[in-house]
């Protein structure tokens, strides 16, 4: 079973930036970032498919967020720029065997890291 742990969350002012990290004990074909705001459903942020090297983003993330990786450290990153108060949420990295935007298809999850964006 893949083990994941996120870090890098914190408090930031609107318009600021944060970089989240996800350390992976193993790697599945697909790794993704999700987020969940208080009282809201889990929302897809972006994913990378290792087999073909493709990266996918939600419309809310496109142009502001960037997913990258460091294979030597077996780590996944989420660079978040131009942050908005609506980005406030717990951010999770997750692992799946198939390409999907649904959290149901992801079997392994990290504990999450809190991101709070003030106005």
PDB file of N, CA and C in Angstrom:
ATOM      1  N   UNK A   1       0.834  -1.176   0.000  1.00  0.00           N
ATOM      2  CA  UNK A   1       0.000   0.000   0.000  1.00  0.00           C
ATOM      3  C   UNK A   1       0.886   1.250   0.000  1.00  0.00           C
ATOM      4  N   UNK A   2       0.515   2.226  -0.818  1.00  0.00           N
ATOM      5  CA  UNK A   2       1.253   3.472  -0.916  1.00  0.00           C
ATOM      6  C   UNK A   2       0.981   4.332   0.310  1.00  0.00           C
ATOM      7  N   UNK A   3       2.044   4.917   0.860  1.00  0.00           N
ATOM      8  CA  UNK A   3       1.903   5.847   1.972  1.00  0.00           C
ATOM      9  C   UNK A   3       2.273   7.245   1.511  1.00  0.00           C
ATOM     10  N   UNK A   4       1.449   8.213   1.880  1.00  0.00           N
ATOM     11  CA  UNK A   4       1.612   9.590   1.435  1.00  0.00           C
ATOM     12  C   UNK A   4       1.527  10.539   2.621  1.00  0.00           C
ATOM     13  N   UNK A   5       2.294  11.622   2.569  1.00  0.00           N
ATOM     14  CA  UNK A   5       2.208  12.652   3.589  1.00  0.00           C
ATOM     15  C   UNK A   5       2.450  14.006   2.955  1.00  0.00           C
ATOM     16  N   UNK A   6       1.535  14.950   3.203  1.00  0.00           N
ATOM     17  CA  UNK A   6       1.623  16.289   2.641  1.00  0.00           C
ATOM     18  C   UNK A   6       2.287  17.249   3.626  1.00  0.00           C
ATOM     19  N   UNK A   7       2.832  18.328   3.084  1.00  0.00           N
ATOM     20  CA  UNK A   7       3.390  19.395   3.898  1.00  0.00           C
ATOM     21  C   UNK A   7       3.380  20.688   3.089  1.00  0.00           C
ATOM     22  N   UNK A   8       3.604  21.809   3.756  1.00  0.00           N
ATOM     23  CA  UNK A   8       3.712  23.089   3.080  1.00  0.00           C
ATOM     24  C   UNK A   8       2.515  24.000   3.218  1.00  0.00           C
ATOM     25  N   UNK A   9       1.459  23.539   3.859  1.00  0.00           N
ATOM     26  CA  UNK A   9       0.292  24.378   4.054  1.00  0.00           C
ATOM     27  C   UNK A   9       0.566  25.481   5.064  1.00  0.00           C
ATOM     28  N   UNK A  10      -0.362  26.430   5.131  1.00  0.00           N
ATOM     29  CA  UNK A  10      -0.213  27.532   6.058  1.00  0.00           C
ATOM     30  C   UNK A  10      -1.180  28.649   5.758  1.00  0.00           C
ATOM     31  N   UNK A  11      -0.939  29.793   6.372  1.00  0.00           N
ATOM     32  CA  UNK A  11      -1.763  30.981   6.189  1.00  0.00           C
ATOM     33  C   UNK A  11      -1.075  31.933   5.228  1.00  0.00           C
ATOM     34  N   UNK A  12      -1.815  32.392   4.231  1.00  0.00           N
ATOM     35  CA  UNK A  12      -1.259  33.300   3.237  1.00  0.00           C
ATOM     36  C   UNK A  12      -2.314  34.328   2.847  1.00  0.00           C
ATOM     37  N   UNK A  13      -1.875  35.511   2.491  1.00  0.00           N
ATOM     38  CA  UNK A  13      -2.780  36.566   2.059  1.00  0.00           C
ATOM     39  C   UNK A  13      -3.185  36.343   0.605  1.00  0.00           C
ATOM     40  N   UNK A  14      -4.377  36.791   0.251  1.00  0.00           N
ATOM     41  CA  UNK A  14      -4.844  36.681  -1.128  1.00  0.00           C
ATOM     42  C   UNK A  14      -3.824  37.281  -2.086  1.00  0.00           C
ATOM     43  N   UNK A  15      -3.575  36.559  -3.176  1.00  0.00           N
ATOM     44  CA  UNK A  15      -2.580  36.975  -4.139  1.00  0.00           C
ATOM     45  C   UNK A  15      -1.216  36.361  -3.909  1.00  0.00           C
ATOM     46  N   UNK A  16      -1.035  35.727  -2.768  1.00  0.00           N
ATOM     47  CA  UNK A  16       0.233  35.116  -2.427  1.00  0.00           C
ATOM     48  C   UNK A  16       0.382  33.723  -3.003  1.00  0.00           C
ATOM     49  N   UNK A  17       1.468  33.058  -2.609  1.00  0.00           N
ATOM     50  CA  UNK A  17       1.796  31.742  -3.147  1.00  0.00           C
ATOM     51  C   UNK A  17       2.184  30.767  -2.050  1.00  0.00           C
ATOM     52  N   UNK A  18       1.978  29.493  -2.325  1.00  0.00           N
ATOM     53  CA  UNK A  18       2.419  28.402  -1.473  1.00  0.00           C
ATOM     54  C   UNK A  18       2.836  27.235  -2.351  1.00  0.00           C
ATOM     55  N   UNK A  19       3.775  26.437  -1.869  1.00  0.00           N
ATOM     56  CA  UNK A  19       4.135  25.201  -2.544  1.00  0.00           C
ATOM     57  C   UNK A  19       3.920  24.037  -1.599  1.00  0.00           C
ATOM     58  N   UNK A  20       3.049  23.138  -1.992  1.00  0.00           N
ATOM     59  CA  UNK A  20       2.769  21.950  -1.215  1.00  0.00           C
ATOM     60  C   UNK A  20       3.632  20.793  -1.698  1.00  0.00           C
ATOM     61  N   UNK A  21       4.025  19.939  -0.769  1.00  0.00           N
ATOM     62  CA  UNK A  21       4.820  18.765  -1.095  1.00  0.00           C
ATOM     63  C   UNK A  21       4.095  17.511  -0.660  1.00  0.00           C
ATOM     64  N   UNK A  22       4.311  16.443  -1.397  1.00  0.00           N
ATOM     65  CA  UNK A  22       3.766  15.141  -1.056  1.00  0.00           C
ATOM     66  C   UNK A  22       4.879  14.112  -1.162  1.00  0.00           C
ATOM     67  N   UNK A  23       5.265  13.545  -0.032  1.00  0.00           N
ATOM     68  CA  UNK A  23       6.273  12.502  -0.027  1.00  0.00           C
ATOM     69  C   UNK A  23       5.596  11.146  -0.204  1.00  0.00           C
ATOM     70  N   UNK A  24       6.133  10.348  -1.104  1.00  0.00           N
ATOM     71  CA  UNK A  24       5.521   9.080  -1.467  1.00  0.00           C
ATOM     72  C   UNK A  24       6.445   7.913  -1.121  1.00  0.00           C
ATOM     73  N   UNK A  25       5.894   6.916  -0.447  1.00  0.00           N
ATOM     74  CA  UNK A  25       6.653   5.704  -0.167  1.00  0.00           C
ATOM     75  C   UNK A  25       6.641   4.767  -1.362  1.00  0.00           C
ATOM     76  N   UNK A  26       5.665   4.955  -2.233  1.00  0.00           N
ATOM     77  CA  UNK A  26       5.527   4.188  -3.453  1.00  0.00           C
ATOM     78  C   UNK A  26       4.817   5.029  -4.491  1.00  0.00           C
ATOM     79  N   UNK A  27       4.731   4.503  -5.696  1.00  0.00           N
ATOM     80  CA  UNK A  27       4.113   5.275  -6.766  1.00  0.00           C
ATOM     81  C   UNK A  27       3.163   4.406  -7.571  1.00  0.00           C
ATOM     82  N   UNK A  28       1.969   4.920  -7.789  1.00  0.00           N
ATOM     83  CA  UNK A  28       1.003   4.280  -8.661  1.00  0.00           C
ATOM     84  C   UNK A  28       1.040   4.975 -10.014  1.00  0.00           C
ATOM     85  N   UNK A  29       0.243   4.501 -10.949  1.00  0.00           N
ATOM     86  CA  UNK A  29       0.250   5.078 -12.282  1.00  0.00           C
ATOM     87  C   UNK A  29      -0.214   6.527 -12.287  1.00  0.00           C
ATOM     88  N   UNK A  30      -1.109   6.874 -11.365  1.00  0.00           N
ATOM     89  CA  UNK A  30      -1.676   8.213 -11.307  1.00  0.00           C
ATOM     90  C   UNK A  30      -1.551   8.781  -9.899  1.00  0.00           C
ATOM     91  N   UNK A  31      -1.083  10.021  -9.809  1.00  0.00           N
ATOM     92  CA  UNK A  31      -1.056  10.758  -8.560  1.00  0.00           C
ATOM     93  C   UNK A  31      -1.827  12.051  -8.762  1.00  0.00           C
ATOM     94  N   UNK A  32      -2.549  12.478  -7.730  1.00  0.00           N
ATOM     95  CA  UNK A  32      -3.395  13.652  -7.880  1.00  0.00           C
ATOM     96  C   UNK A  32      -3.441  14.484  -6.609  1.00  0.00           C
ATOM     97  N   UNK A  33      -3.848  15.728  -6.779  1.00  0.00           N
ATOM     98  CA  UNK A  33      -4.134  16.630  -5.676  1.00  0.00           C
ATOM     99  C   UNK A  33      -5.633  16.879  -5.623  1.00  0.00           C
ATOM    100  N   UNK A  34      -6.190  16.788  -4.427  1.00  0.00           N
ATOM    101  CA  UNK A  34      -7.582  17.124  -4.162  1.00  0.00           C
ATOM    102  C   UNK A  34      -7.628  18.146  -3.039  1.00  0.00           C
ATOM    103  N   UNK A  35      -8.780  18.766  -2.865  1.00  0.00           N
ATOM    104  CA  UNK A  35      -8.956  19.676  -1.745  1.00  0.00           C
ATOM    105  C   UNK A  35     -10.390  19.601  -1.243  1.00  0.00           C
ATOM    106  N   UNK A  36     -10.577  19.948   0.023  1.00  0.00           N
ATOM    107  CA  UNK A  36     -11.900  19.947   0.617  1.00  0.00           C
ATOM    108  C   UNK A  36     -12.038  21.133   1.555  1.00  0.00           C
ATOM    109  N   UNK A  37     -12.937  22.036   1.212  1.00  0.00           N
ATOM    110  CA  UNK A  37     -13.244  23.171   2.055  1.00  0.00           C
ATOM    111  C   UNK A  37     -14.281  22.759   3.093  1.00  0.00           C
ATOM    112  N   UNK A  38     -14.378  23.469   4.211  1.00  0.00           N
ATOM    113  CA  UNK A  38     -15.363  23.122   5.236  1.00  0.00           C
ATOM    114  C   UNK A  38     -16.778  23.076   4.670  1.00  0.00           C
ATOM    115  N   UNK A  39     -17.476  21.971   4.910  1.00  0.00           N
ATOM    116  CA  UNK A  39     -18.843  21.825   4.454  1.00  0.00           C
ATOM    117  C   UNK A  39     -18.993  21.558   2.973  1.00  0.00           C
ATOM    118  N   UNK A  40     -17.895  21.341   2.269  1.00  0.00           N
ATOM    119  CA  UNK A  40     -17.933  21.112   0.828  1.00  0.00           C
ATOM    120  C   UNK A  40     -17.481  19.697   0.494  1.00  0.00           C
ATOM    121  N   UNK A  41     -17.793  19.268  -0.729  1.00  0.00           N
ATOM    122  CA  UNK A  41     -17.354  17.959  -1.200  1.00  0.00           C
ATOM    123  C   UNK A  41     -15.885  18.026  -1.590  1.00  0.00           C
ATOM    124  N   UNK A  42     -15.267  16.860  -1.682  1.00  0.00           N
ATOM    125  CA  UNK A  42     -13.884  16.786  -2.129  1.00  0.00           C
ATOM    126  C   UNK A  42     -13.807  17.211  -3.591  1.00  0.00           C
ATOM    127  N   UNK A  43     -12.868  18.097  -3.905  1.00  0.00           N
ATOM    128  CA  UNK A  43     -12.750  18.671  -5.238  1.00  0.00           C
ATOM    129  C   UNK A  43     -11.417  18.309  -5.876  1.00  0.00           C
ATOM    130  N   UNK A  44     -11.465  17.878  -7.110  1.00  0.00           N
ATOM    131  CA  UNK A  44     -10.261  17.575  -7.872  1.00  0.00           C
ATOM    132  C   UNK A  44      -9.501  18.849  -8.193  1.00  0.00           C
ATOM    133  N   UNK A  45      -8.173  18.821  -8.031  1.00  0.00           N
ATOM    134  CA  UNK A  45      -7.326  19.960  -8.345  1.00  0.00           C
ATOM    135  C   UNK A  45      -6.475  19.689  -9.588  1.00  0.00           C
ATOM    136  N   UNK A  46      -5.769  18.573  -9.590  1.00  0.00           N
ATOM    137  CA  UNK A  46      -4.931  18.216 -10.725  1.00  0.00           C
ATOM    138  C   UNK A  46      -4.331  16.842 -10.532  1.00  0.00           C
ATOM    139  N   UNK A  47      -3.840  16.255 -11.622  1.00  0.00           N
ATOM    140  CA  UNK A  47      -3.279  14.906 -11.564  1.00  0.00           C
ATOM    141  C   UNK A  47      -2.177  14.743 -12.595  1.00  0.00           C
ATOM    142  N   UNK A  48      -1.296  13.794 -12.335  1.00  0.00           N
ATOM    143  CA  UNK A  48      -0.245  13.433 -13.275  1.00  0.00           C
ATOM    144  C   UNK A  48      -0.327  11.946 -13.549  1.00  0.00           C
ATOM    145  N   UNK A  49      -0.229  11.590 -14.821  1.00  0.00           N
ATOM    146  CA  UNK A  49      -0.166  10.201 -15.237  1.00  0.00           C
ATOM    147  C   UNK A  49       1.280   9.880 -15.576  1.00  0.00           C
ATOM    148  N   UNK A  50       1.903   9.034 -14.761  1.00  0.00           N
ATOM    149  CA  UNK A  50       3.327   8.754 -14.945  1.00  0.00           C
ATOM    150  C   UNK A  50       3.623   8.034 -16.248  1.00  0.00           C
ATOM    151  N   UNK A  51       2.722   7.156 -16.667  1.00  0.00           N
ATOM    152  CA  UNK A  51       2.977   6.330 -17.838  1.00  0.00           C
ATOM    153  C   UNK A  51       3.122   7.148 -19.115  1.00  0.00           C
ATOM    154  N   UNK A  52       2.325   8.205 -19.254  1.00  0.00           N
ATOM    155  CA  UNK A  52       2.407   9.022 -20.463  1.00  0.00           C
ATOM    156  C   UNK A  52       2.950  10.424 -20.200  1.00  0.00           C
ATOM    157  N   UNK A  53       3.160  10.773 -18.933  1.00  0.00           N
ATOM    158  CA  UNK A  53       3.710  12.069 -18.596  1.00  0.00           C
ATOM    159  C   UNK A  53       2.736  13.226 -18.684  1.00  0.00           C
ATOM    160  N   UNK A  54       1.465  12.944 -18.870  1.00  0.00           N
ATOM    161  CA  UNK A  54       0.473  14.005 -19.007  1.00  0.00           C
ATOM    162  C   UNK A  54       0.028  14.538 -17.648  1.00  0.00           C
ATOM    163  N   UNK A  55      -0.268  15.825 -17.609  1.00  0.00           N
ATOM    164  CA  UNK A  55      -0.762  16.487 -16.419  1.00  0.00           C
ATOM    165  C   UNK A  55      -2.115  17.115 -16.718  1.00  0.00           C
ATOM    166  N   UNK A  56      -3.039  16.974 -15.779  1.00  0.00           N
ATOM    167  CA  UNK A  56      -4.396  17.464 -15.953  1.00  0.00           C
ATOM    168  C   UNK A  56      -4.748  18.392 -14.799  1.00  0.00           C
ATOM    169  N   UNK A  57      -5.494  19.453 -15.105  1.00  0.00           N
ATOM    170  CA  UNK A  57      -5.868  20.433 -14.094  1.00  0.00           C
ATOM    171  C   UNK A  57      -7.365  20.709 -14.134  1.00  0.00           C
ATOM    172  N   UNK A  58      -7.925  20.974 -12.964  1.00  0.00           N
ATOM    173  CA  UNK A  58      -9.279  21.492 -12.896  1.00  0.00           C
ATOM    174  C   UNK A  58      -9.286  22.918 -13.422  1.00  0.00           C
ATOM    175  N   UNK A  59     -10.447  23.378 -13.884  1.00  0.00           N
ATOM    176  CA  UNK A  59     -10.542  24.735 -14.403  1.00  0.00           C
ATOM    177  C   UNK A  59     -10.157  25.773 -13.349  1.00  0.00           C
ATOM    178  N   UNK A  60     -10.470  25.492 -12.103  1.00  0.00           N
ATOM    179  CA  UNK A  60     -10.157  26.422 -11.030  1.00  0.00           C
ATOM    180  C   UNK A  60      -8.658  26.544 -10.781  1.00  0.00           C
ATOM    181  N   UNK A  61      -7.896  25.539 -11.203  1.00  0.00           N
ATOM    182  CA  UNK A  61      -6.456  25.520 -10.979  1.00  0.00           C
ATOM    183  C   UNK A  61      -5.651  25.947 -12.198  1.00  0.00           C
ATOM    184  N   UNK A  62      -6.206  25.767 -13.360  1.00  0.00           N
ATOM    185  CA  UNK A  62      -5.493  26.037 -14.600  1.00  0.00           C
ATOM    186  C   UNK A  62      -5.015  27.485 -14.666  1.00  0.00           C
ATOM    187  N   UNK A  63      -3.727  27.637 -14.954  1.00  0.00           N
ATOM    188  CA  UNK A  63      -3.140  28.963 -15.061  1.00  0.00           C
ATOM    189  C   UNK A  63      -2.601  29.513 -13.758  1.00  0.00           C
ATOM    190  N   UNK A  64      -2.985  28.916 -12.630  1.00  0.00           N
ATOM    191  CA  UNK A  64      -2.528  29.374 -11.322  1.00  0.00           C
ATOM    192  C   UNK A  64      -1.716  28.321 -10.578  1.00  0.00           C
ATOM    193  N   UNK A  65      -2.095  27.060 -10.742  1.00  0.00           N
ATOM    194  CA  UNK A  65      -1.440  25.961 -10.034  1.00  0.00           C
ATOM    195  C   UNK A  65      -0.608  25.137 -11.005  1.00  0.00           C
ATOM    196  N   UNK A  66       0.510  24.599 -10.508  1.00  0.00           N
ATOM    197  CA  UNK A  66       1.380  23.776 -11.326  1.00  0.00           C
ATOM    198  C   UNK A  66       1.817  22.537 -10.557  1.00  0.00           C
ATOM    199  N   UNK A  67       1.649  21.384 -11.172  1.00  0.00           N
ATOM    200  CA  UNK A  67       2.092  20.127 -10.578  1.00  0.00           C
ATOM    201  C   UNK A  67       3.459  19.757 -11.146  1.00  0.00           C
ATOM    202  N   UNK A  68       4.362  19.344 -10.278  1.00  0.00           N
ATOM    203  CA  UNK A  68       5.677  18.896 -10.700  1.00  0.00           C
ATOM    204  C   UNK A  68       6.121  17.756  -9.794  1.00  0.00           C
ATOM    205  N   UNK A  69       7.237  17.122 -10.143  1.00  0.00           N
ATOM    206  CA  UNK A  69       7.724  15.999  -9.358  1.00  0.00           C
ATOM    207  C   UNK A  69       9.237  15.970  -9.326  1.00  0.00           C
ATOM    208  N   UNK A  70       9.760  15.250  -8.354  1.00  0.00           N
ATOM    209  CA  UNK A  70      11.188  15.021  -8.227  1.00  0.00           C
ATOM    210  C   UNK A  70      11.356  13.522  -8.034  1.00  0.00           C
ATOM    211  N   UNK A  71      11.719  12.838  -9.099  1.00  0.00           N
ATOM    212  CA  UNK A  71      11.807  11.385  -9.045  1.00  0.00           C
ATOM    213  C   UNK A  71      12.916  10.889  -8.121  1.00  0.00           C
ATOM    214  N   UNK A  72      13.981  11.665  -7.973  1.00  0.00           N
ATOM    215  CA  UNK A  72      15.072  11.257  -7.097  1.00  0.00           C
ATOM    216  C   UNK A  72      14.647  11.242  -5.637  1.00  0.00           C
ATOM    217  N   UNK A  73      13.680  12.081  -5.290  1.00  0.00           N
ATOM    218  CA  UNK A  73      13.165  12.148  -3.925  1.00  0.00           C
ATOM    219  C   UNK A  73      11.814  11.466  -3.788  1.00  0.00           C
ATOM    220  N   UNK A  74      11.272  11.003  -4.909  1.00  0.00           N
ATOM    221  CA  UNK A  74       9.952  10.383  -4.927  1.00  0.00           C
ATOM    222  C   UNK A  74       8.922  11.316  -4.297  1.00  0.00           C
ATOM    223  N   UNK A  75       8.905  12.547  -4.788  1.00  0.00           N
ATOM    224  CA  UNK A  75       8.034  13.570  -4.229  1.00  0.00           C
ATOM    225  C   UNK A  75       7.199  14.232  -5.322  1.00  0.00           C
ATOM    226  N   UNK A  76       6.021  14.677  -4.940  1.00  0.00           N
ATOM    227  CA  UNK A  76       5.107  15.387  -5.818  1.00  0.00           C
ATOM    228  C   UNK A  76       4.858  16.770  -5.224  1.00  0.00           C
ATOM    229  N   UNK A  77       4.753  17.781  -6.089  1.00  0.00           N
ATOM    230  CA  UNK A  77       4.589  19.150  -5.620  1.00  0.00           C
ATOM    231  C   UNK A  77       3.383  19.813  -6.258  1.00  0.00           C
ATOM    232  N   UNK A  78       2.830  20.786  -5.544  1.00  0.00           N
ATOM    233  CA  UNK A  78       1.764  21.621  -6.067  1.00  0.00           C
ATOM    234  C   UNK A  78       2.134  23.067  -5.784  1.00  0.00           C
ATOM    235  N   UNK A  79       2.541  23.786  -6.823  1.00  0.00           N
ATOM    236  CA  UNK A  79       2.842  25.207  -6.706  1.00  0.00           C
ATOM    237  C   UNK A  79       1.563  25.987  -6.934  1.00  0.00           C
ATOM    238  N   UNK A  80       1.168  26.791  -5.961  1.00  0.00           N
ATOM    239  CA  UNK A  80      -0.072  27.551  -6.023  1.00  0.00           C
ATOM    240  C   UNK A  80       0.246  29.038  -6.008  1.00  0.00           C
ATOM    241  N   UNK A  81      -0.135  29.727  -7.067  1.00  0.00           N
ATOM    242  CA  UNK A  81       0.074  31.163  -7.188  1.00  0.00           C
ATOM    243  C   UNK A  81      -1.263  31.889  -7.279  1.00  0.00           C
ATOM    244  N   UNK A  82      -1.230  33.193  -7.059  1.00  0.00           N
ATOM    245  CA  UNK A  82      -2.434  34.024  -7.134  1.00  0.00           C
ATOM    246  C   UNK A  82      -3.571  33.431  -6.317  1.00  0.00           C
ATOM    247  N   UNK A  83      -3.276  33.069  -5.098  1.00  0.00           N
ATOM    248  CA  UNK A  83      -4.255  32.400  -4.252  1.00  0.00           C
ATOM    249  C   UNK A  83      -5.427  33.311  -3.901  1.00  0.00           C
ATOM    250  N   UNK A  84      -6.598  32.706  -3.811  1.00  0.00           N
ATOM    251  CA  UNK A  84      -7.832  33.394  -3.486  1.00  0.00           C
ATOM    252  C   UNK A  84      -8.417  32.816  -2.201  1.00  0.00           C
ATOM    253  N   UNK A  85      -9.263  33.575  -1.511  1.00  0.00           N
ATOM    254  CA  UNK A  85      -9.918  33.025  -0.320  1.00  0.00           C
ATOM    255  C   UNK A  85     -10.678  31.734  -0.605  1.00  0.00           C
ATOM    256  N   UNK A  86     -11.210  31.584  -1.818  1.00  0.00           N
ATOM    257  CA  UNK A  86     -11.932  30.367  -2.186  1.00  0.00           C
ATOM    258  C   UNK A  86     -11.020  29.149  -2.279  1.00  0.00           C
ATOM    259  N   UNK A  87      -9.709  29.361  -2.282  1.00  0.00           N
ATOM    260  CA  UNK A  87      -8.759  28.258  -2.292  1.00  0.00           C
ATOM    261  C   UNK A  87      -8.549  27.667  -0.901  1.00  0.00           C
ATOM    262  N   UNK A  88      -9.108  28.296   0.109  1.00  0.00           N
ATOM    263  CA  UNK A  88      -8.981  27.803   1.476  1.00  0.00           C
ATOM    264  C   UNK A  88      -9.591  26.413   1.589  1.00  0.00           C
ATOM    265  N   UNK A  89      -8.783  25.456   2.025  1.00  0.00           N
ATOM    266  CA  UNK A  89      -9.230  24.069   2.109  1.00  0.00           C
ATOM    267  C   UNK A  89      -8.114  23.217   2.699  1.00  0.00           C
ATOM    268  N   UNK A  90      -8.456  21.980   3.020  1.00  0.00           N
ATOM    269  CA  UNK A  90      -7.448  20.982   3.318  1.00  0.00           C
ATOM    270  C   UNK A  90      -7.051  20.343   1.990  1.00  0.00           C
ATOM    271  N   UNK A  91      -5.770  20.315   1.705  1.00  0.00           N
ATOM    272  CA  UNK A  91      -5.273  19.766   0.452  1.00  0.00           C
ATOM    273  C   UNK A  91      -4.681  18.386   0.678  1.00  0.00           C
ATOM    274  N   UNK A  92      -5.061  17.452  -0.185  1.00  0.00           N
ATOM    275  CA  UNK A  92      -4.625  16.066  -0.088  1.00  0.00           C
ATOM    276  C   UNK A  92      -3.921  15.624  -1.362  1.00  0.00           C
ATOM    277  N   UNK A  93      -2.918  14.777  -1.223  1.00  0.00           N
ATOM    278  CA  UNK A  93      -2.421  14.044  -2.370  1.00  0.00           C
ATOM    279  C   UNK A  93      -2.965  12.631  -2.284  1.00  0.00           C
ATOM    280  N   UNK A  94      -3.181  12.020  -3.431  1.00  0.00           N
ATOM    281  CA  UNK A  94      -3.808  10.707  -3.485  1.00  0.00           C
ATOM    282  C   UNK A  94      -3.240   9.900  -4.637  1.00  0.00           C
ATOM    283  N   UNK A  95      -3.359   8.575  -4.528  1.00  0.00           N
ATOM    284  CA  UNK A  95      -2.803   7.664  -5.522  1.00  0.00           C
ATOM    285  C   UNK A  95      -3.878   6.747  -6.078  1.00  0.00           C
ATOM    286  N   UNK A  96      -3.814   6.510  -7.382  1.00  0.00           N
ATOM    287  CA  UNK A  96      -4.752   5.625  -8.058  1.00  0.00           C
ATOM    288  C   UNK A  96      -4.032   4.833  -9.142  1.00  0.00           C
ATOM    289  N   UNK A  97      -4.670   3.767  -9.586  1.00  0.00           N
ATOM    290  CA  UNK A  97      -4.114   2.944 -10.656  1.00  0.00           C
ATOM    291  C   UNK A  97      -4.597   3.367 -12.031  1.00  0.00           C
ATOM    292  N   UNK A  98      -5.681   4.137 -12.069  1.00  0.00           N
ATOM    293  CA  UNK A  98      -6.246   4.585 -13.330  1.00  0.00           C
ATOM    294  C   UNK A  98      -6.403   6.095 -13.329  1.00  0.00           C
ATOM    295  N   UNK A  99      -6.452   6.673 -14.520  1.00  0.00           N
ATOM    296  CA  UNK A  99      -6.636   8.110 -14.647  1.00  0.00           C
ATOM    297  C   UNK A  99      -8.076   8.458 -14.323  1.00  0.00           C
ATOM    298  N   UNK A 100      -8.254   9.334 -13.341  1.00  0.00           N
ATOM    299  CA  UNK A 100      -9.588   9.684 -12.894  1.00  0.00           C
ATOM    300  C   UNK A 100      -9.568  11.026 -12.185  1.00  0.00           C
ATOM    301  N   UNK A 101     -10.727  11.677 -12.162  1.00  0.00           N
ATOM    302  CA  UNK A 101     -10.911  12.906 -11.398  1.00  0.00           C
ATOM    303  C   UNK A 101     -11.817  12.677 -10.205  1.00  0.00           C
ATOM    304  N   UNK A 102     -12.210  11.438 -10.008  1.00  0.00           N
ATOM    305  CA  UNK A 102     -13.114  11.087  -8.917  1.00  0.00           C
ATOM    306  C   UNK A 102     -12.335  10.560  -7.725  1.00  0.00           C
ATOM    307  N   UNK A 103     -12.580  11.100  -6.522  1.00  0.00           N
ATOM    308  CA  UNK A 103     -11.870  10.610  -5.340  1.00  0.00           C
ATOM    309  C   UNK A 103     -12.150   9.145  -5.035  1.00  0.00           C
ATOM    310  N   UNK A 104     -13.251   8.611  -5.544  1.00  0.00           N
ATOM    311  CA  UNK A 104     -13.590   7.213  -5.311  1.00  0.00           C
ATOM    312  C   UNK A 104     -12.542   6.282  -5.906  1.00  0.00           C
ATOM    313  N   UNK A 105     -11.891   6.702  -6.990  1.00  0.00           N
ATOM    314  CA  UNK A 105     -10.918   5.867  -7.679  1.00  0.00           C
ATOM    315  C   UNK A 105      -9.534   5.903  -7.042  1.00  0.00           C
ATOM    316  N   UNK A 106      -9.355   6.707  -6.009  1.00  0.00           N
ATOM    317  CA  UNK A 106      -8.061   6.839  -5.359  1.00  0.00           C
ATOM    318  C   UNK A 106      -8.054   6.074  -4.047  1.00  0.00           C
ATOM    319  N   UNK A 107      -7.205   5.064  -3.981  1.00  0.00           N
ATOM    320  CA  UNK A 107      -7.191   4.145  -2.848  1.00  0.00           C
ATOM    321  C   UNK A 107      -6.307   4.602  -1.695  1.00  0.00           C
ATOM    322  N   UNK A 108      -5.306   5.419  -1.969  1.00  0.00           N
ATOM    323  CA  UNK A 108      -4.383   5.881  -0.940  1.00  0.00           C
ATOM    324  C   UNK A 108      -4.418   7.395  -0.835  1.00  0.00           C
ATOM    325  N   UNK A 109      -4.461   7.878   0.397  1.00  0.00           N
ATOM    326  CA  UNK A 109      -4.543   9.317   0.674  1.00  0.00           C
ATOM    327  C   UNK A 109      -3.579   9.718   1.775  1.00  0.00           C
ATOM    328  N   UNK A 110      -3.053  10.931   1.681  1.00  0.00           N
ATOM    329  CA  UNK A 110      -2.304  11.485   2.777  1.00  0.00           C
ATOM    330  C   UNK A 110      -3.249  12.088   3.793  1.00  0.00           C
ATOM    331  N   UNK A 111      -2.737  12.498   4.951  1.00  0.00           N
ATOM    332  CA  UNK A 111      -3.597  13.077   5.995  1.00  0.00           C
ATOM    333  C   UNK A 111      -4.063  14.501   5.675  1.00  0.00           C
ATOM    334  N   UNK A 112      -3.443  15.155   4.714  1.00  0.00           N
ATOM    335  CA  UNK A 112      -3.848  16.481   4.305  1.00  0.00           C
ATOM    336  C   UNK A 112      -3.041  17.577   4.979  1.00  0.00           C
ATOM    337  N   UNK A 113      -3.025  18.751   4.353  1.00  0.00           N
ATOM    338  CA  UNK A 113      -2.384  19.929   4.914  1.00  0.00           C
ATOM    339  C   UNK A 113      -3.296  21.133   4.703  1.00  0.00           C
ATOM    340  N   UNK A 114      -3.463  21.944   5.740  1.00  0.00           N
ATOM    341  CA  UNK A 114      -4.402  23.059   5.702  1.00  0.00           C
ATOM    342  C   UNK A 114      -3.815  24.259   4.977  1.00  0.00           C
ATOM    343  N   UNK A 115      -4.589  24.805   4.050  1.00  0.00           N
ATOM    344  CA  UNK A 115      -4.249  26.050   3.367  1.00  0.00           C
ATOM    345  C   UNK A 115      -5.340  27.062   3.671  1.00  0.00           C
ATOM    346  N   UNK A 116      -4.959  28.195   4.235  1.00  0.00           N
ATOM    347  CA  UNK A 116      -5.901  29.251   4.556  1.00  0.00           C
ATOM    348  C   UNK A 116      -5.472  30.538   3.862  1.00  0.00           C
ATOM    349  N   UNK A 117      -6.369  31.095   3.061  1.00  0.00           N
ATOM    350  CA  UNK A 117      -6.085  32.316   2.312  1.00  0.00           C
ATOM    351  C   UNK A 117      -6.975  33.428   2.846  1.00  0.00           C
ATOM    352  N   UNK A 118      -6.375  34.463   3.365  1.00  0.00           N
ATOM    353  CA  UNK A 118      -7.111  35.589   3.917  1.00  0.00           C
ATOM    354  C   UNK A 118      -7.329  36.656   2.860  1.00  0.00           C
ATOM    355  N   UNK A 119      -8.409  37.417   3.004  1.00  0.00           N
ATOM    356  CA  UNK A 119      -8.728  38.474   2.059  1.00  0.00           C
ATOM    357  C   UNK A 119      -8.151  39.801   2.497  1.00  0.00           C
TER     358      UNK A 119
END
